[in-house]
C-alpha atoms as a PDB file:
ATOM      1  CA  MET A   1      16.656 -20.715  -0.224  1.00  0.00           C
ATOM      2  CA  LYS A   2      12.980 -21.588  -0.110  1.00  0.00           C
ATOM      3  CA  VAL A   3      10.761 -18.800   1.140  1.00  0.00           C
ATOM      4  CA  THR A   4       8.668 -21.358   3.017  1.00  0.00           C
ATOM      5  CA  ASN A   5      11.752 -21.861   5.169  1.00  0.00           C
ATOM      6  CA  LEU A   6      11.385 -18.187   6.098  1.00  0.00           C
ATOM      7  CA  ILE A   7       7.590 -17.781   6.236  1.00  0.00           C
ATOM      8  CA  GLY A   8       5.731 -20.989   6.962  1.00  0.00           C
ATOM      9  CA  GLU A   9       2.781 -21.884   9.131  1.00  0.00           C
ATOM     10  CA  LYS A  10       4.676 -21.232  12.389  1.00  0.00           C
ATOM     11  CA  GLU A  11       5.680 -17.730  11.279  1.00  0.00           C
ATOM     12  CA  VAL A  12       2.206 -16.481  10.260  1.00  0.00           C
ATOM     13  CA  GLN A  13      -0.302 -15.098  12.755  1.00  0.00           C
ATOM     14  CA  VAL A  14      -3.741 -13.603  12.116  1.00  0.00           C
ATOM     15  CA  VAL A  15      -5.491 -11.806  14.978  1.00  0.00           C
ATOM     16  CA  ASP A  16      -8.500  -9.517  15.290  1.00  0.00           C
ATOM     17  CA  SER A  17      -6.723  -6.625  16.959  1.00  0.00           C
ATOM     18  CA  VAL A  18      -3.840  -5.454  19.117  1.00  0.00           C
ATOM     19  CA  ALA A  19      -3.794  -2.840  21.865  1.00  0.00           C
ATOM     20  CA  ASN A  20      -1.048  -0.748  20.220  1.00  0.00           C
ATOM     21  CA  TRP A  21       1.879  -0.860  17.791  1.00  0.00           C
ATOM     22  CA  LYS A  22       4.376  -2.020  20.409  1.00  0.00           C
ATOM     23  CA  GLU A  23       2.187  -5.014  21.221  1.00  0.00           C
ATOM     24  CA  ALA A  24       1.948  -5.699  17.474  1.00  0.00           C
ATOM     25  CA  VAL A  25       5.750  -5.721  17.111  1.00  0.00           C
ATOM     26  CA  GLN A  26       6.122  -7.978  20.151  1.00  0.00           C
ATOM     27  CA  LEU A  27       3.425 -10.376  18.918  1.00  0.00           C
ATOM     28  CA  ALA A  28       4.771 -10.382  15.348  1.00  0.00           C
ATOM     29  CA  SER A  29       8.222 -11.250  16.750  1.00  0.00           C
ATOM     30  CA  LYS A  30       6.979 -14.119  18.930  1.00  0.00           C
ATOM     31  CA  PRO A  31       7.549 -16.936  16.394  1.00  0.00           C
ATOM     32  CA  LEU A  32      11.155 -15.796  15.929  1.00  0.00           C
ATOM     33  CA  LEU A  33      11.652 -15.496  19.691  1.00  0.00           C
ATOM     34  CA  ASP A  34      10.138 -18.957  20.237  1.00  0.00           C
ATOM     35  CA  GLU A  35      12.550 -20.487  17.707  1.00  0.00           C
ATOM     36  CA  HIS A  36      15.485 -18.511  19.190  1.00  0.00           C
ATOM     37  CA  ASP A  37      16.094 -16.865  15.810  1.00  0.00           C
ATOM     38  CA  ILE A  38      16.130 -13.532  17.649  1.00  0.00           C
ATOM     39  CA  THR A  39      16.409 -12.308  21.219  1.00  0.00           C
ATOM     40  CA  GLN A  40      14.249  -9.780  23.051  1.00  0.00           C
ATOM     41  CA  ARG A  41      17.059  -7.277  22.425  1.00  0.00           C
ATOM     42  CA  TYR A  42      16.211  -7.316  18.698  1.00  0.00           C
ATOM     43  CA  VAL A  43      12.528  -6.623  19.433  1.00  0.00           C
ATOM     44  CA  ASP A  44      13.517  -3.778  21.751  1.00  0.00           C
ATOM     45  CA  ASN A  45      15.831  -2.383  19.045  1.00  0.00           C
ATOM     46  CA  MET A  46      12.986  -2.376  16.472  1.00  0.00           C
ATOM     47  CA  ILE A  47      10.711  -0.535  18.900  1.00  0.00           C
ATOM     48  CA  GLN A  48      13.465   1.951  19.798  1.00  0.00           C
ATOM     49  CA  SER A  49      14.140   2.588  16.106  1.00  0.00           C
ATOM     50  CA  VAL A  50      10.514   3.630  15.576  1.00  0.00           C
ATOM     51  CA  GLU A  51      10.629   5.779  18.725  1.00  0.00           C
ATOM     52  CA  ASP A  52      13.793   7.499  17.452  1.00  0.00           C
ATOM     53  CA  ASN A  53      12.948   7.795  13.748  1.00  0.00           C
ATOM     54  CA  GLY A  54       9.156   7.754  13.429  1.00  0.00           C
ATOM     55  CA  PRO A  55       7.014   5.497  11.216  1.00  0.00           C
ATOM     56  CA  TYR A  56       9.533   5.088   8.385  1.00  0.00           C
ATOM     57  CA  MET A  57       9.044   1.307   8.482  1.00  0.00           C
ATOM     58  CA  VAL A  58       5.501   1.738   7.137  1.00  0.00           C
ATOM     59  CA  ILE A  59       6.414   1.253   3.475  1.00  0.00           C
ATOM     60  CA  ALA A  60       2.959   0.826   1.885  1.00  0.00           C
ATOM     61  CA  ASP A  61      -0.711   1.131   2.833  1.00  0.00           C
ATOM     62  CA  TYR A  62      -1.230  -0.811   6.055  1.00  0.00           C
ATOM     63  CA  PHE A  63       2.194  -2.501   5.732  1.00  0.00           C
ATOM     64  CA  ALA A  64       5.157  -2.179   8.107  1.00  0.00           C
ATOM     65  CA  LEU A  65       8.480  -3.892   7.428  1.00  0.00           C
ATOM     66  CA  MET A  66       9.948  -4.044  10.918  1.00  0.00           C
ATOM     67  CA  HIS A  67      13.678  -4.492  11.315  1.00  0.00           C
ATOM     68  CA  ALA A  68      16.660  -3.298  13.288  1.00  0.00           C
ATOM     69  CA  ARG A  69      20.400  -3.277  12.774  1.00  0.00           C
ATOM     70  CA  PRO A  70      21.532  -6.645  11.343  1.00  0.00           C
ATOM     71  CA  GLY A  71      23.163  -9.037  13.750  1.00  0.00           C
ATOM     72  CA  GLU A  72      22.307  -7.285  17.027  1.00  0.00           C
ATOM     73  CA  GLY A  73      20.091  -9.802  18.801  1.00  0.00           C
ATOM     74  CA  VAL A  74      19.780 -11.980  15.673  1.00  0.00           C
ATOM     75  CA  ASN A  75      20.889 -15.605  15.916  1.00  0.00           C
ATOM     76  CA  ARG A  76      19.520 -16.786  12.548  1.00  0.00           C
ATOM     77  CA  LEU A  77      17.968 -15.208   9.476  1.00  0.00           C
ATOM     78  CA  GLY A  78      14.210 -15.168   9.937  1.00  0.00           C
ATOM     79  CA  MET A  79      10.924 -13.548   9.010  1.00  0.00           C
ATOM     80  CA  SER A  80       7.532 -13.592  10.635  1.00  0.00           C
ATOM     81  CA  LEU A  81       4.211 -12.096   9.628  1.00  0.00           C
ATOM     82  CA  LEU A  82       1.348 -10.701  11.690  1.00  0.00           C
ATOM     83  CA  THR A  83      -1.927  -9.571  10.144  1.00  0.00           C
ATOM     84  CA  THR A  84      -4.561  -7.776  12.205  1.00  0.00           C
ATOM     85  CA  LYS A  85      -8.179  -7.465  11.098  1.00  0.00           C
ATOM     86  CA  GLN A  86      -8.408  -4.050  12.778  1.00  0.00           C
ATOM     87  CA  ALA A  87      -5.827  -1.441  11.817  1.00  0.00           C
ATOM     88  CA  PHE A  88      -3.653  -0.041  14.589  1.00  0.00           C
ATOM     89  CA  ASP A  89      -1.817   3.279  14.713  1.00  0.00           C
ATOM     90  CA  LEU A  90       1.944   3.264  14.231  1.00  0.00           C
ATOM     91  CA  LYS A  91       2.976   6.847  14.939  1.00  0.00           C
ATOM     92  CA  GLY A  92       0.183   8.317  12.783  1.00  0.00           C
ATOM     93  CA  LYS A  93       0.073   5.586  10.106  1.00  0.00           C
ATOM     94  CA  PRO A  94      -2.625   2.881  10.024  1.00  0.00           C
ATOM     95  CA  VAL A  95      -1.117  -0.623   9.896  1.00  0.00           C
ATOM     96  CA  LYS A  96      -2.616  -4.109   9.553  1.00  0.00           C
ATOM     97  CA  ILE A  97       0.415  -6.101   8.345  1.00  0.00           C
ATOM     98  CA  VAL A  98       3.685  -6.415  10.239  1.00  0.00           C
ATOM     99  CA  LEU A  99       6.520  -8.292   8.557  1.00  0.00           C
ATOM    100  CA  VAL A 100       9.459  -8.774  10.905  1.00  0.00           C
ATOM    101  CA  LEU A 101      12.803  -9.167   9.167  1.00  0.00           C
ATOM    102  CA  ALA A 102      15.711 -10.455  11.234  1.00  0.00           C
ATOM    103  CA  ALA A 103      18.975 -10.366   9.335  1.00  0.00           C
ATOM    104  CA  THR A 104      22.331 -11.642  10.532  1.00  0.00           C
ATOM    105  CA  ASP A 105      24.270  -9.318   8.212  1.00  0.00           C
ATOM    106  CA  SER A 106      23.638  -6.729   5.501  1.00  0.00           C
ATOM    107  CA  LYS A 107      23.395  -9.158   2.566  1.00  0.00           C
ATOM    108  CA  SER A 108      22.249 -12.722   3.349  1.00  0.00           C
ATOM    109  CA  HIS A 109      18.568 -11.778   3.651  1.00  0.00           C
ATOM    110  CA  LEU A 110      18.246  -9.954   0.329  1.00  0.00           C
ATOM    111  CA  ALA A 111      17.253 -12.885  -1.918  1.00  0.00           C
ATOM    112  CA  GLY A 112      14.624 -14.119   0.533  1.00  0.00           C
ATOM    113  CA  LEU A 113      13.281 -10.630   1.102  1.00  0.00           C
ATOM    114  CA  GLN A 114      12.999 -10.048  -2.646  1.00  0.00           C
ATOM    115  CA  LYS A 115      10.911 -13.220  -3.048  1.00  0.00           C
ATOM    116  CA  VAL A 116       8.685 -12.336  -0.093  1.00  0.00           C
ATOM    117  CA  MET A 117       8.167  -8.786  -1.362  1.00  0.00           C
ATOM    118  CA  SER A 118       7.090 -10.141  -4.770  1.00  0.00           C
ATOM    119  CA  VAL A 119       4.070 -11.604  -2.978  1.00  0.00           C
ATOM    120  CA  PHE A 120       3.262  -8.256  -1.359  1.00  0.00           C
ATOM    121  CA  MET A 121       3.599  -6.441  -4.708  1.00  0.00           C
ATOM    122  CA  ASP A 122       0.927  -8.625  -6.329  1.00  0.00           C
ATOM    123  CA  ASN A 123      -2.372  -6.842  -5.670  1.00  0.00           C
ATOM    124  CA  SER A 124      -4.539  -9.938  -5.255  1.00  0.00           C
ATOM    125  CA  SER A 125      -1.965 -11.540  -2.953  1.00  0.00           C
ATOM    126  CA  TYR A 126      -1.771  -8.314  -0.958  1.00  0.00           C
ATOM    127  CA  GLN A 127      -5.552  -8.342  -0.530  1.00  0.00           C
ATOM    128  CA  THR A 128      -5.349 -11.963   0.640  1.00  0.00           C
ATOM    129  CA  ILE A 129      -2.733 -10.974   3.226  1.00  0.00           C
ATOM    130  CA  LEU A 130      -4.913  -8.061   4.365  1.00  0.00           C
ATOM    131  CA  ASN A 131      -8.172 -10.012   4.568  1.00  0.00           C
ATOM    132  CA  GLY A 132      -7.368 -13.692   4.367  1.00  0.00           C
ATOM    133  CA  SER A 133      -7.197 -16.562   6.781  1.00  0.00           C
ATOM    134  CA  LYS A 134      -3.904 -17.897   8.112  1.00  0.00           C
ATOM    135  CA  GLU A 135      -4.185 -20.880   5.757  1.00  0.00           C
ATOM    136  CA  GLU A 136      -4.711 -18.646   2.695  1.00  0.00           C
ATOM    137  CA  ILE A 137      -1.732 -16.482   3.675  1.00  0.00           C
ATOM    138  CA  VAL A 138       0.566 -19.474   4.274  1.00  0.00           C
ATOM    139  CA  ASN A 139      -0.457 -20.852   0.857  1.00  0.00           C
ATOM    140  CA  LEU A 140       0.747 -17.638  -0.834  1.00  0.00           C
ATOM    141  CA  PHE A 141       4.292 -18.226   0.402  1.00  0.00           C
ATOM    142  CA  GLU A 142       4.332 -22.004  -0.110  1.00  0.00           C
ATOM    143  CA  GLY A 143       4.546 -21.700  -3.881  1.00  0.00           C
ATOM    144  CA  LEU A 144       7.701 -19.611  -3.807  1.00  0.00           C
ATOM    145  CA  GLU A 145      11.136 -21.111  -4.370  1.00  0.00           C
END
């Protein structure tokens, strides 16, 4: 599976700021909602998971990997990425990058997620995601197979 099938131009958004973390999750999910990859139920489940369990989805500095239970409100495997220029507070943790992962089951997303995370683990790529333009960010994922 090509990663560009998961994170392409339609799935990347760069904005200056958001009002709060819930708005960030909703906005980050919009490309997947627009393509009917997920339903609003999945977005609500991600938000409820943070309400119930705290900011455990913040897995690195400024980076939240948002997800909910596989399959519930997920029509198709998908990922979308939101970067904000201004950090927002997610239950006490500053966040600028929201990667939404929508999985249909517990396994089919793993190969794609591994490839996407390799981009985040490269320091210069991570800085590009934090500070770059939409075009620069999309280009990071285009080279992946």
